[in-house]
Amino acid sequence: MPSIEDLLKADAKKAPISATSGTPSTTERFDEKMASIHISEKEHSTKSQAETAHLGYVDLASFAISPEALTLIPENQARTLSAVAFLFLGSEIRLGAVDPADPAVVELAYQLGERNQAKVIIYQITAQSLEKALLLYAALPQIKPVVKGVRITDEELDRYRALTKNFPAVQKLLLTASTTDV
């Protein structure tokens, strides 16, 4: 009598993704469902752990995270601390952390509260919730500093010093240079 693994392997050989219909095979659907169940179990376990520690819990996969909250913590710091701000109400900040008891996370919460004159509440989240939240950093607009006037770097000055040893060289450079270079 064949085992379940043998039947699944045989099923996978017989029914791969159909090239015409594009539907997933039974094995792929099974794997997706098992991954979904594993994530649900992890979320439930983390929720129980948070309740035991008298902390709040949030599943960020089903929570709309505001861009204003995301900008409170730089992405690299959020990745390093495994913590992300997910709600900013002006007088209140909600911070999700994989390890809320981590002294670095507690210090971050204190700094956020002081900097924004707000009350910070720390919630426990799973690594999957954190990853979903970190993906949202890619959608944030990148703010570039506005440069007023002309900015000349040391490298540019050194390059032009080498090209302009005498007056005829300067005159030749001015005739051939672009308006920006002039």
C-alpha atoms as a PDB file:
ATOM      1  CA  MET A   1       0.000   0.000   0.000  1.00  0.00           C
ATOM      2  CA  PRO A   2       1.552   3.370  -1.034  1.00  0.00           C
ATOM      3  CA  SER A   3       2.126   6.135   1.506  1.00  0.00           C
ATOM      4  CA  ILE A   4       0.703   9.656   1.229  1.00  0.00           C
ATOM      5  CA  GLU A   5       4.113  10.943   0.107  1.00  0.00           C
ATOM      6  CA  ASP A   6       4.190   8.356  -2.694  1.00  0.00           C
ATOM      7  CA  LEU A   7       0.713   9.377  -3.836  1.00  0.00           C
ATOM      8  CA  LEU A   8       1.651  13.054  -3.756  1.00  0.00           C
ATOM      9  CA  LYS A   9       4.813  12.413  -5.757  1.00  0.00           C
ATOM     10  CA  ALA A  10       2.841  10.383  -8.289  1.00  0.00           C
ATOM     11  CA  ASP A  11       0.201  13.129  -8.410  1.00  0.00           C
ATOM     12  CA  ALA A  12       2.881  15.739  -9.038  1.00  0.00           C
ATOM     13  CA  LYS A  13       4.300  13.720 -11.918  1.00  0.00           C
ATOM     14  CA  LYS A  14       0.868  13.238 -13.453  1.00  0.00           C
ATOM     15  CA  ALA A  15      -0.607  16.695 -12.909  1.00  0.00           C
ATOM     16  CA  PRO A  16       1.901  19.533 -13.215  1.00  0.00           C
ATOM     17  CA  ILE A  17       0.679  23.046 -13.967  1.00  0.00           C
ATOM     18  CA  SER A  18      -1.299  22.903 -17.129  1.00  0.00           C
ATOM     19  CA  ALA A  19       0.304  24.940 -19.891  1.00  0.00           C
ATOM     20  CA  THR A  20      -3.087  25.760 -21.358  1.00  0.00           C
ATOM     21  CA  SER A  21      -5.110  26.523 -18.231  1.00  0.00           C
ATOM     22  CA  GLY A  22      -2.323  27.800 -15.949  1.00  0.00           C
ATOM     23  CA  THR A  23      -3.937  26.232 -12.859  1.00  0.00           C
ATOM     24  CA  PRO A  24      -1.678  24.930 -10.080  1.00  0.00           C
ATOM     25  CA  SER A  25      -1.317  21.225  -9.511  1.00  0.00           C
ATOM     26  CA  THR A  26      -2.780  19.460  -6.492  1.00  0.00           C
ATOM     27  CA  THR A  27       0.633  19.295  -4.834  1.00  0.00           C
ATOM     28  CA  GLU A  28       1.192  23.022  -5.228  1.00  0.00           C
ATOM     29  CA  ARG A  29      -2.243  23.818  -3.831  1.00  0.00           C
ATOM     30  CA  PHE A  30      -1.553  21.464  -0.918  1.00  0.00           C
ATOM     31  CA  ASP A  31       1.817  23.136  -0.245  1.00  0.00           C
ATOM     32  CA  GLU A  32       0.208  26.589  -0.345  1.00  0.00           C
ATOM     33  CA  LYS A  33      -2.508  25.493   2.072  1.00  0.00           C
ATOM     34  CA  MET A  34       0.063  23.963   4.445  1.00  0.00           C
ATOM     35  CA  ALA A  35       2.104  27.181   4.383  1.00  0.00           C
ATOM     36  CA  SER A  36      -1.059  29.161   5.133  1.00  0.00           C
ATOM     37  CA  ILE A  37      -1.888  26.874   8.068  1.00  0.00           C
ATOM     38  CA  HIS A  38       1.672  27.193   9.389  1.00  0.00           C
ATOM     39  CA  ILE A  39       1.451  31.004   9.282  1.00  0.00           C
ATOM     40  CA  SER A  40      -1.947  30.928  11.035  1.00  0.00           C
ATOM     41  CA  GLU A  41      -0.536  28.692  13.768  1.00  0.00           C
ATOM     42  CA  LYS A  42       2.441  31.020  14.220  1.00  0.00           C
ATOM     43  CA  GLU A  43       0.116  34.058  14.459  1.00  0.00           C
ATOM     44  CA  HIS A  44      -2.057  32.267  17.048  1.00  0.00           C
ATOM     45  CA  SER A  45       1.014  31.226  19.060  1.00  0.00           C
ATOM     46  CA  THR A  46       2.372  34.790  19.019  1.00  0.00           C
ATOM     47  CA  LYS A  47      -1.015  36.158  20.102  1.00  0.00           C
ATOM     48  CA  SER A  48      -1.056  33.761  23.077  1.00  0.00           C
ATOM     49  CA  GLN A  49       2.521  34.727  23.942  1.00  0.00           C
ATOM     50  CA  ALA A  50       1.588  38.436  23.849  1.00  0.00           C
ATOM     51  CA  GLU A  51      -1.425  37.870  26.094  1.00  0.00           C
ATOM     52  CA  THR A  52       0.757  36.011  28.597  1.00  0.00           C
ATOM     53  CA  ALA A  53       3.202  38.947  28.647  1.00  0.00           C
ATOM     54  CA  HIS A  54       0.316  41.453  28.960  1.00  0.00           C
ATOM     55  CA  LEU A  55       1.163  43.010  25.592  1.00  0.00           C
ATOM     56  CA  GLY A  56      -0.981  43.915  22.639  1.00  0.00           C
ATOM     57  CA  TYR A  57      -0.841  41.799  19.506  1.00  0.00           C
ATOM     58  CA  VAL A  58      -1.478  42.759  15.891  1.00  0.00           C
ATOM     59  CA  ASP A  59      -1.332  40.879  12.587  1.00  0.00           C
ATOM     60  CA  LEU A  60       0.122  43.455  10.209  1.00  0.00           C
ATOM     61  CA  ALA A  61      -0.822  41.351   7.183  1.00  0.00           C
ATOM     62  CA  SER A  62      -4.424  42.463   7.671  1.00  0.00           C
ATOM     63  CA  PHE A  63      -3.707  45.969   8.977  1.00  0.00           C
ATOM     64  CA  ALA A  64      -3.447  49.120   6.868  1.00  0.00           C
ATOM     65  CA  ILE A  65      -0.110  50.706   7.792  1.00  0.00           C
ATOM     66  CA  SER A  66       0.092  54.456   7.351  1.00  0.00           C
ATOM     67  CA  PRO A  67       3.041  55.909   5.411  1.00  0.00           C
ATOM     68  CA  GLU A  68       3.435  58.571   8.113  1.00  0.00           C
ATOM     69  CA  ALA A  69       4.067  55.823  10.647  1.00  0.00           C
ATOM     70  CA  LEU A  70       6.568  54.018   8.428  1.00  0.00           C
ATOM     71  CA  THR A  71       8.660  57.158   7.997  1.00  0.00           C
ATOM     72  CA  LEU A  72       9.187  57.414  11.765  1.00  0.00           C
ATOM     73  CA  ILE A  73      11.751  54.598  11.660  1.00  0.00           C
ATOM     74  CA  PRO A  74      14.307  54.279   8.832  1.00  0.00           C
ATOM     75  CA  GLU A  75      14.065  50.970   6.959  1.00  0.00           C
ATOM     76  CA  ASN A  76      17.547  49.761   7.920  1.00  0.00           C
ATOM     77  CA  GLN A  77      16.827  50.407  11.616  1.00  0.00           C
ATOM     78  CA  ALA A  78      13.451  48.650  11.324  1.00  0.00           C
ATOM     79  CA  ARG A  79      15.166  45.597   9.817  1.00  0.00           C
ATOM     80  CA  THR A  80      17.925  45.595  12.424  1.00  0.00           C
ATOM     81  CA  LEU A  81      15.552  45.866  15.400  1.00  0.00           C
ATOM     82  CA  SER A  82      12.754  43.771  13.826  1.00  0.00           C
ATOM     83  CA  ALA A  83      10.363  46.575  14.721  1.00  0.00           C
ATOM     84  CA  VAL A  84       8.129  48.864  12.680  1.00  0.00           C
ATOM     85  CA  ALA A  85       5.830  51.770  13.477  1.00  0.00           C
ATOM     86  CA  PHE A  86       2.419  50.932  12.036  1.00  0.00           C
ATOM     87  CA  LEU A  87       0.161  53.705  13.338  1.00  0.00           C
ATOM     88  CA  PHE A  88       0.840  57.391  14.029  1.00  0.00           C
ATOM     89  CA  LEU A  89      -2.019  59.458  15.411  1.00  0.00           C
ATOM     90  CA  GLY A  90      -0.012  62.530  16.430  1.00  0.00           C
ATOM     91  CA  SER A  91      -0.298  61.989  20.158  1.00  0.00           C
ATOM     92  CA  GLU A  92       0.043  58.206  19.931  1.00  0.00           C
ATOM     93  CA  ILE A  93       2.436  55.877  18.108  1.00  0.00           C
ATOM     94  CA  ARG A  94       1.949  52.150  17.816  1.00  0.00           C
ATOM     95  CA  LEU A  95       5.071  50.080  17.365  1.00  0.00           C
ATOM     96  CA  GLY A  96       5.128  46.412  16.364  1.00  0.00           C
ATOM     97  CA  ALA A  97       8.139  44.312  17.353  1.00  0.00           C
ATOM     98  CA  VAL A  98       9.050  40.663  17.027  1.00  0.00           C
ATOM     99  CA  ASP A  99      10.752  40.897  20.442  1.00  0.00           C
ATOM    100  CA  PRO A 100       9.071  43.709  22.399  1.00  0.00           C
ATOM    101  CA  ALA A 101      11.241  43.060  25.480  1.00  0.00           C
ATOM    102  CA  ASP A 102      14.470  43.770  23.574  1.00  0.00           C
ATOM    103  CA  PRO A 103      16.190  46.749  25.271  1.00  0.00           C
ATOM    104  CA  ALA A 104      16.944  48.294  21.857  1.00  0.00           C
ATOM    105  CA  VAL A 105      13.224  48.225  20.976  1.00  0.00           C
ATOM    106  CA  VAL A 106      12.319  49.756  24.352  1.00  0.00           C
ATOM    107  CA  GLU A 107      14.925  52.491  23.752  1.00  0.00           C
ATOM    108  CA  LEU A 108      13.524  53.097  20.248  1.00  0.00           C
ATOM    109  CA  ALA A 109      10.030  53.466  21.712  1.00  0.00           C
ATOM    110  CA  TYR A 110      11.339  55.966  24.249  1.00  0.00           C
ATOM    111  CA  GLN A 111      13.147  57.984  21.560  1.00  0.00           C
ATOM    112  CA  LEU A 112      10.077  58.011  19.293  1.00  0.00           C
ATOM    113  CA  GLY A 113       7.927  59.218  22.169  1.00  0.00           C
ATOM    114  CA  GLU A 114      10.349  61.996  23.096  1.00  0.00           C
ATOM    115  CA  ARG A 115      10.962  63.107  19.501  1.00  0.00           C
ATOM    116  CA  ASN A 116       7.264  63.223  18.585  1.00  0.00           C
ATOM    117  CA  GLN A 117       5.814  64.178  21.979  1.00  0.00           C
ATOM    118  CA  ALA A 118       3.646  61.070  21.784  1.00  0.00           C
ATOM    119  CA  LYS A 119       2.709  58.022  23.815  1.00  0.00           C
ATOM    120  CA  VAL A 120       4.234  54.859  22.319  1.00  0.00           C
ATOM    121  CA  ILE A 121       2.508  51.502  22.687  1.00  0.00           C
ATOM    122  CA  ILE A 122       4.481  48.378  21.771  1.00  0.00           C
ATOM    123  CA  TYR A 123       2.706  45.407  20.194  1.00  0.00           C
ATOM    124  CA  GLN A 124       4.035  41.942  19.527  1.00  0.00           C
ATOM    125  CA  ILE A 125       4.104  40.789  15.893  1.00  0.00           C
ATOM    126  CA  THR A 126       5.387  37.764  14.005  1.00  0.00           C
ATOM    127  CA  ALA A 127       8.299  37.694  11.589  1.00  0.00           C
ATOM    128  CA  GLN A 128       5.794  37.245   8.728  1.00  0.00           C
ATOM    129  CA  SER A 129       3.948  40.417   9.770  1.00  0.00           C
ATOM    130  CA  LEU A 130       7.242  42.266   9.957  1.00  0.00           C
ATOM    131  CA  GLU A 131       8.218  41.140   6.439  1.00  0.00           C
ATOM    132  CA  LYS A 132       4.882  42.314   5.031  1.00  0.00           C
ATOM    133  CA  ALA A 133       5.353  45.687   6.708  1.00  0.00           C
ATOM    134  CA  LEU A 134       8.951  46.010   5.492  1.00  0.00           C
ATOM    135  CA  LEU A 135       7.762  45.494   1.909  1.00  0.00           C
ATOM    136  CA  LEU A 136       5.807  48.745   2.237  1.00  0.00           C
ATOM    137  CA  TYR A 137       9.029  50.751   2.565  1.00  0.00           C
ATOM    138  CA  ALA A 138       9.548  50.252  -1.177  1.00  0.00           C
ATOM    139  CA  ALA A 139       6.350  52.214  -1.861  1.00  0.00           C
ATOM    140  CA  LEU A 140       7.465  55.252   0.161  1.00  0.00           C
ATOM    141  CA  PRO A 141       8.647  58.227  -1.900  1.00  0.00           C
ATOM    142  CA  GLN A 142      12.349  58.942  -1.686  1.00  0.00           C
ATOM    143  CA  ILE A 143      12.943  62.510  -0.543  1.00  0.00           C
ATOM    144  CA  LYS A 144      15.906  64.144  -2.227  1.00  0.00           C
ATOM    145  CA  PRO A 145      17.476  67.271  -0.780  1.00  0.00           C
ATOM    146  CA  VAL A 146      16.825  70.459  -2.723  1.00  0.00           C
ATOM    147  CA  VAL A 147      20.013  72.118  -3.940  1.00  0.00           C
ATOM    148  CA  LYS A 148      19.793  75.861  -4.372  1.00  0.00           C
ATOM    149  CA  GLY A 149      22.449  77.593  -6.409  1.00  0.00           C
ATOM    150  CA  VAL A 150      25.506  75.822  -7.760  1.00  0.00           C
ATOM    151  CA  ARG A 151      27.282  72.997  -6.008  1.00  0.00           C
ATOM    152  CA  ILE A 152      30.890  72.351  -7.002  1.00  0.00           C
ATOM    153  CA  THR A 153      32.708  69.341  -5.597  1.00  0.00           C
ATOM    154  CA  ASP A 154      36.416  69.115  -4.780  1.00  0.00           C
ATOM    155  CA  GLU A 155      36.881  66.519  -7.539  1.00  0.00           C
ATOM    156  CA  GLU A 156      35.499  68.922 -10.149  1.00  0.00           C
ATOM    157  CA  LEU A 157      37.794  71.710  -8.947  1.00  0.00           C
ATOM    158  CA  ASP A 158      40.826  69.421  -9.095  1.00  0.00           C
ATOM    159  CA  ARG A 159      39.922  68.296 -12.631  1.00  0.00           C
ATOM    160  CA  TYR A 160      39.639  71.884 -13.902  1.00  0.00           C
ATOM    161  CA  ARG A 161      42.819  72.971 -12.123  1.00  0.00           C
ATOM    162  CA  ALA A 162      44.705  70.333 -14.064  1.00  0.00           C
ATOM    163  CA  LEU A 163      43.186  71.514 -17.380  1.00  0.00           C
ATOM    164  CA  THR A 164      43.755  75.247 -16.813  1.00  0.00           C
ATOM    165  CA  LYS A 165      47.481  75.861 -16.365  1.00  0.00           C
ATOM    166  CA  ASN A 166      47.554  79.106 -18.401  1.00  0.00           C
ATOM    167  CA  PHE A 167      45.239  81.644 -20.048  1.00  0.00           C
ATOM    168  CA  PRO A 168      45.118  80.023 -23.556  1.00  0.00           C
ATOM    169  CA  ALA A 169      44.089  76.712 -21.919  1.00  0.00           C
ATOM    170  CA  VAL A 170      41.273  78.486 -20.040  1.00  0.00           C
ATOM    171  CA  GLN A 171      40.102  80.175 -23.262  1.00  0.00           C
ATOM    172  CA  LYS A 172      40.132  76.839 -25.146  1.00  0.00           C
ATOM    173  CA  LEU A 173      38.225  75.151 -22.316  1.00  0.00           C
ATOM    174  CA  LEU A 174      35.558  77.889 -22.292  1.00  0.00           C
ATOM    175  CA  LEU A 175      35.028  77.539 -26.055  1.00  0.00           C
ATOM    176  CA  THR A 176      34.619  73.755 -25.942  1.00  0.00           C
ATOM    177  CA  ALA A 177      32.861  73.296 -22.568  1.00  0.00           C
ATOM    178  CA  SER A 178      29.112  72.896 -22.139  1.00  0.00           C
ATOM    179  CA  THR A 179      27.052  75.599 -20.470  1.00  0.00           C
ATOM    180  CA  THR A 180      26.805  73.519 -17.310  1.00  0.00           C
ATOM    181  CA  ASP A 181      30.584  73.083 -17.135  1.00  0.00           C
ATOM    182  CA  VAL A 182      31.158  76.822 -17.691  1.00  0.00           C
END
